[in-house]
């Protein structure tokens, strides 16, 4: 609340007695985490300094590493965290955990892929502003990487609607023959997409275990976004 909140407002919001609330607010104000103006309490300079220190130490791969590990362990398949390279218009993996299985989907940090043919690429593109999507569609032909690659703009636009509606995308054999990937978005506090969590596997295993893999992906992506239970 930029304009501040009163003791009564805070006590009501936290379902706490005013006396208990006041006992908590006094030391925070004394240490400059809160500023008191009349009957209103606002965040103080030490609160903003703390926020800046937390922000400077924040790293997307480090923050989401635990979720990536949970995804790899639960799925038994290769798991990756991909972000959007805005200028190159490609998805790029910034962290990966490869499956221990002898036949697996190979993922490497730094590997990139086209937005129109990969699961991570579609998820990232689907949540970009309209002007970015329009520029992408006007930038050139959607190249056919395999016989299953989507190369029609209208079809791709419809697929992006599906991503936004259901929260994930499954791609089978569109970039690499006989392989599949399923991806879901990770959102930041302001609702912008930060990254895509991805499971990659041989296409036969992906299709045979799709329901289990999709459930694991959506659940872990929701936790990584701070939206579990929403």
Protein backbone atom coordinates (compact mmCIF):
# COMPACT_ATOMS: atom_id res chain seq x y z
CA UNK A 1 0.00 0.00 0.00
CA UNK A 2 2.05 2.99 -1.26
CA UNK A 3 0.05 5.49 0.81
CA UNK A 4 0.37 3.41 3.97
CA UNK A 5 -2.02 1.52 6.21
CA UNK A 6 -3.41 2.26 9.63
CA UNK A 7 -3.07 0.04 12.67
CA UNK A 8 -6.71 -0.99 12.27
CA UNK A 9 -6.20 -1.85 8.58
CA UNK A 10 -3.12 -3.94 9.33
CA UNK A 11 -4.75 -5.74 12.25
CA UNK A 12 -7.78 -6.57 10.11
CA UNK A 13 -5.67 -7.73 7.14
CA UNK A 14 -3.64 -10.09 9.34
CA UNK A 15 -6.58 -11.07 11.58
CA UNK A 16 -4.57 -9.98 14.61
CA UNK A 17 -5.49 -8.02 17.72
CA UNK A 18 -4.51 -4.35 17.59
CA UNK A 19 -2.37 -4.66 20.72
CA UNK A 20 -0.41 -7.56 19.21
CA UNK A 21 -0.06 -5.73 15.91
CA UNK A 22 1.20 -2.58 17.62
CA UNK A 23 3.81 -4.58 19.54
CA UNK A 24 5.14 -5.86 16.20
CA UNK A 25 5.07 -2.48 14.45
CA UNK A 26 6.95 -0.50 17.12
CA UNK A 27 10.34 -2.26 16.75
CA UNK A 28 10.05 -2.22 12.96
CA UNK A 29 9.52 1.52 13.06
CA UNK A 30 12.34 1.98 15.55
CA UNK A 31 14.72 0.16 13.19
CA UNK A 32 13.51 2.18 10.14
CA UNK A 33 11.84 -0.75 8.41
CA UNK A 34 8.64 1.27 8.74
CA UNK A 35 7.93 4.98 8.69
CA UNK A 36 5.05 6.33 10.79
CA UNK A 37 3.20 9.39 9.54
CA UNK A 38 0.21 10.32 11.67
CA UNK A 39 -1.84 7.15 11.94
CA UNK A 40 -0.32 5.50 8.84
CA UNK A 41 2.54 3.01 8.52
CA UNK A 42 4.62 2.82 5.32
CA UNK A 43 7.72 0.87 4.29
CA UNK A 44 10.88 2.61 5.44
CA UNK A 45 14.41 2.95 4.02
CA UNK A 46 15.78 -0.22 5.60
CA UNK A 47 12.98 -2.25 4.04
CA UNK A 48 13.93 -0.95 0.59
CA UNK A 49 17.62 -1.54 1.28
CA UNK A 50 16.83 -5.13 2.25
CA UNK A 51 14.83 -5.57 -0.95
CA UNK A 52 17.74 -4.22 -3.02
CA UNK A 53 20.19 -6.60 -1.33
CA UNK A 54 17.92 -9.56 -1.98
CA UNK A 55 17.49 -8.49 -5.61
CA UNK A 56 21.23 -8.14 -6.20
CA UNK A 57 21.81 -11.71 -4.99
CA UNK A 58 18.98 -13.16 -7.09
CA UNK A 59 19.88 -15.60 -9.85
CA UNK A 60 17.22 -17.33 -11.94
CA UNK A 61 19.08 -20.64 -12.41
CA UNK A 62 20.17 -20.75 -8.77
CA UNK A 63 16.70 -19.86 -7.49
CA UNK A 64 14.97 -22.49 -9.64
CA UNK A 65 17.61 -25.22 -9.35
CA UNK A 66 15.68 -27.06 -6.66
CA UNK A 67 12.55 -27.14 -8.80
CA UNK A 68 14.56 -28.37 -11.79
CA UNK A 69 16.04 -31.15 -9.66
CA UNK A 70 12.56 -32.10 -8.42
CA UNK A 71 11.34 -32.25 -12.03
CA UNK A 72 14.25 -34.45 -13.13
CA UNK A 73 13.87 -36.79 -10.15
CA UNK A 74 10.12 -37.10 -10.45
CA UNK A 75 10.07 -37.60 -14.23
CA UNK A 76 13.21 -39.71 -14.59
CA UNK A 77 13.87 -37.78 -17.80
CA UNK A 78 16.10 -34.88 -18.82
CA UNK A 79 14.89 -31.54 -17.44
CA UNK A 80 15.86 -28.05 -18.53
CA UNK A 81 15.28 -24.39 -17.77
CA UNK A 82 15.06 -22.22 -20.88
CA UNK A 83 14.86 -18.44 -21.27
CA UNK A 84 14.13 -16.24 -24.26
CA UNK A 85 16.93 -14.60 -26.22
CA UNK A 86 14.93 -11.56 -27.28
CA UNK A 87 17.30 -10.41 -30.00
CA UNK A 88 18.02 -13.79 -31.58
CA UNK A 89 14.41 -14.94 -31.10
CA UNK A 90 15.41 -18.34 -29.78
CA UNK A 91 15.01 -20.26 -26.54
CA UNK A 92 18.26 -20.88 -24.66
CA UNK A 93 18.86 -23.40 -21.88
CA UNK A 94 20.49 -21.81 -18.82
CA UNK A 95 20.36 -24.92 -16.63
CA UNK A 96 19.86 -28.62 -17.36
CA UNK A 97 19.85 -31.95 -15.53
CA UNK A 98 20.22 -34.88 -17.91
CA UNK A 99 18.51 -38.20 -17.34
CA UNK A 100 20.68 -41.09 -16.15
CA UNK A 101 18.96 -43.42 -18.61
CA UNK A 102 21.19 -44.81 -21.39
CA UNK A 103 18.72 -43.64 -24.05
CA UNK A 104 17.77 -40.07 -23.21
CA UNK A 105 17.00 -36.62 -24.56
CA UNK A 106 20.35 -34.80 -24.69
CA UNK A 107 20.29 -31.32 -23.14
CA UNK A 108 23.24 -28.98 -22.63
CA UNK A 109 23.54 -25.54 -21.04
CA UNK A 110 23.71 -22.99 -23.84
CA UNK A 111 21.74 -25.14 -26.29
CA UNK A 112 19.24 -23.03 -28.19
CA UNK A 113 16.21 -23.77 -30.34
CA UNK A 114 13.74 -22.05 -32.67
CA UNK A 115 10.66 -20.59 -31.04
CA UNK A 116 8.28 -22.11 -33.59
CA UNK A 117 9.37 -25.75 -33.30
CA UNK A 118 10.30 -26.35 -29.66
CA UNK A 119 8.06 -26.78 -26.62
CA UNK A 120 10.06 -24.23 -24.61
CA UNK A 121 10.08 -21.82 -27.54
CA UNK A 122 6.31 -21.90 -27.94
CA UNK A 123 5.75 -21.38 -24.22
CA UNK A 124 8.09 -18.39 -24.11
CA UNK A 125 6.67 -16.87 -27.31
CA UNK A 126 3.06 -17.37 -26.17
CA UNK A 127 3.61 -15.07 -23.18
CA UNK A 128 5.41 -12.23 -24.96
CA UNK A 129 3.74 -8.87 -25.67
CA UNK A 130 1.70 -8.71 -28.87
CA UNK A 131 4.14 -6.34 -30.59
CA UNK A 132 6.97 -8.85 -30.06
CA UNK A 133 4.84 -11.69 -31.44
CA UNK A 134 3.80 -9.58 -34.45
CA UNK A 135 7.44 -8.76 -35.20
CA UNK A 136 8.33 -12.45 -34.92
CA UNK A 137 5.63 -13.50 -37.37
CA UNK A 138 6.69 -10.79 -39.84
CA UNK A 139 10.40 -11.58 -39.54
CA UNK A 140 10.46 -14.41 -42.03
CA UNK A 141 9.45 -17.91 -42.99
CA UNK A 142 8.96 -20.60 -40.36
CA UNK A 143 11.52 -23.14 -41.54
CA UNK A 144 10.73 -26.86 -41.64
CA UNK A 145 13.31 -28.62 -39.46
CA UNK A 146 11.57 -32.01 -39.70
CA UNK A 147 8.49 -33.22 -41.53
CA UNK A 148 6.41 -32.47 -38.41
CA UNK A 149 7.53 -28.86 -37.87
CA UNK A 150 4.75 -26.25 -37.80
CA UNK A 151 5.45 -23.85 -40.67
CA UNK A 152 2.10 -22.08 -41.02
CA UNK A 153 1.72 -18.77 -39.18
CA UNK A 154 -2.01 -19.17 -38.51
CA UNK A 155 -1.47 -22.65 -37.11
CA UNK A 156 1.30 -21.40 -34.84
CA UNK A 157 -0.84 -18.51 -33.61
CA UNK A 158 -3.61 -20.98 -32.74
CA UNK A 159 -1.07 -23.14 -30.89
CA UNK A 160 0.04 -20.15 -28.83
CA UNK A 161 -3.59 -19.68 -27.78
CA UNK A 162 -3.62 -23.30 -26.62
CA UNK A 163 -0.44 -22.70 -24.59
CA UNK A 164 -2.04 -19.77 -22.81
CA UNK A 165 -5.28 -21.67 -22.21
CA UNK A 166 -3.85 -24.94 -20.87
CA UNK A 167 -0.50 -23.78 -19.47
CA UNK A 168 1.87 -26.07 -21.39
CA UNK A 169 2.91 -27.28 -24.83
CA UNK A 170 3.89 -30.74 -26.06
CA UNK A 171 6.16 -31.04 -29.10
CA UNK A 172 6.85 -34.42 -30.70
CA UNK A 173 9.46 -34.78 -33.44
CA UNK A 174 9.31 -31.17 -34.60
CA UNK A 175 12.96 -30.33 -33.98
CA UNK A 176 14.59 -33.74 -33.52
CA UNK A 177 13.12 -36.91 -34.99
CA UNK A 178 11.94 -39.53 -32.49
CA UNK A 179 12.13 -37.15 -29.53
CA UNK A 180 9.61 -35.13 -27.60
CA UNK A 181 9.50 -32.29 -25.11
CA UNK A 182 6.83 -30.76 -22.89
CA UNK A 183 7.23 -27.30 -21.38
CA UNK A 184 5.39 -25.00 -18.98
CA UNK A 185 6.00 -21.34 -18.06
CA UNK A 186 7.54 -19.99 -14.88
CA UNK A 187 6.11 -16.58 -14.01
CA UNK A 188 7.62 -13.74 -12.00
CA UNK A 189 5.85 -11.71 -9.31
CA UNK A 190 4.49 -9.22 -11.86
CA UNK A 191 3.03 -11.95 -14.07
CA UNK A 192 5.69 -11.80 -16.79
CA UNK A 193 7.12 -15.09 -18.01
CA UNK A 194 10.64 -15.67 -16.69
CA UNK A 195 11.48 -19.04 -18.18
CA UNK A 196 10.14 -22.37 -19.36
CA UNK A 197 10.59 -25.62 -17.46
CA UNK A 198 10.99 -28.52 -19.88
CA UNK A 199 11.01 -32.31 -19.82
CA UNK A 200 12.67 -34.00 -22.79
CA UNK A 201 12.48 -37.71 -23.65
CA UNK A 202 12.44 -40.15 -26.57
CA UNK A 203 9.07 -39.76 -28.24
CA UNK A 204 7.84 -43.27 -27.38
CA UNK A 205 8.52 -42.78 -23.65
CA UNK A 206 7.10 -39.26 -23.73
CA UNK A 207 3.82 -40.44 -25.22
CA UNK A 208 3.57 -43.55 -23.02
CA UNK A 209 4.05 -41.51 -19.81
CA UNK A 210 2.48 -38.24 -20.93
CA UNK A 211 -0.13 -37.91 -18.17
CA UNK A 212 2.39 -38.49 -15.39
CA UNK A 213 4.96 -36.16 -16.94
CA UNK A 214 2.41 -33.42 -17.57
CA UNK A 215 1.12 -33.59 -14.00
CA UNK A 216 4.64 -33.34 -12.59
CA UNK A 217 5.57 -30.46 -14.90
CA UNK A 218 2.48 -28.37 -14.18
CA UNK A 219 2.70 -28.91 -10.43
CA UNK A 220 6.38 -28.00 -10.20
CA UNK A 221 6.04 -25.03 -12.57
CA UNK A 222 3.23 -23.70 -10.36
CA UNK A 223 5.43 -23.98 -7.28
CA UNK A 224 8.33 -22.30 -9.10
CA UNK A 225 5.97 -19.45 -10.01
CA UNK A 226 4.68 -19.11 -6.45
CA UNK A 227 1.22 -20.08 -7.70
CA UNK A 228 0.75 -23.49 -6.13
CA UNK A 229 -2.85 -23.89 -5.00
CA UNK A 230 -3.99 -20.80 -6.92
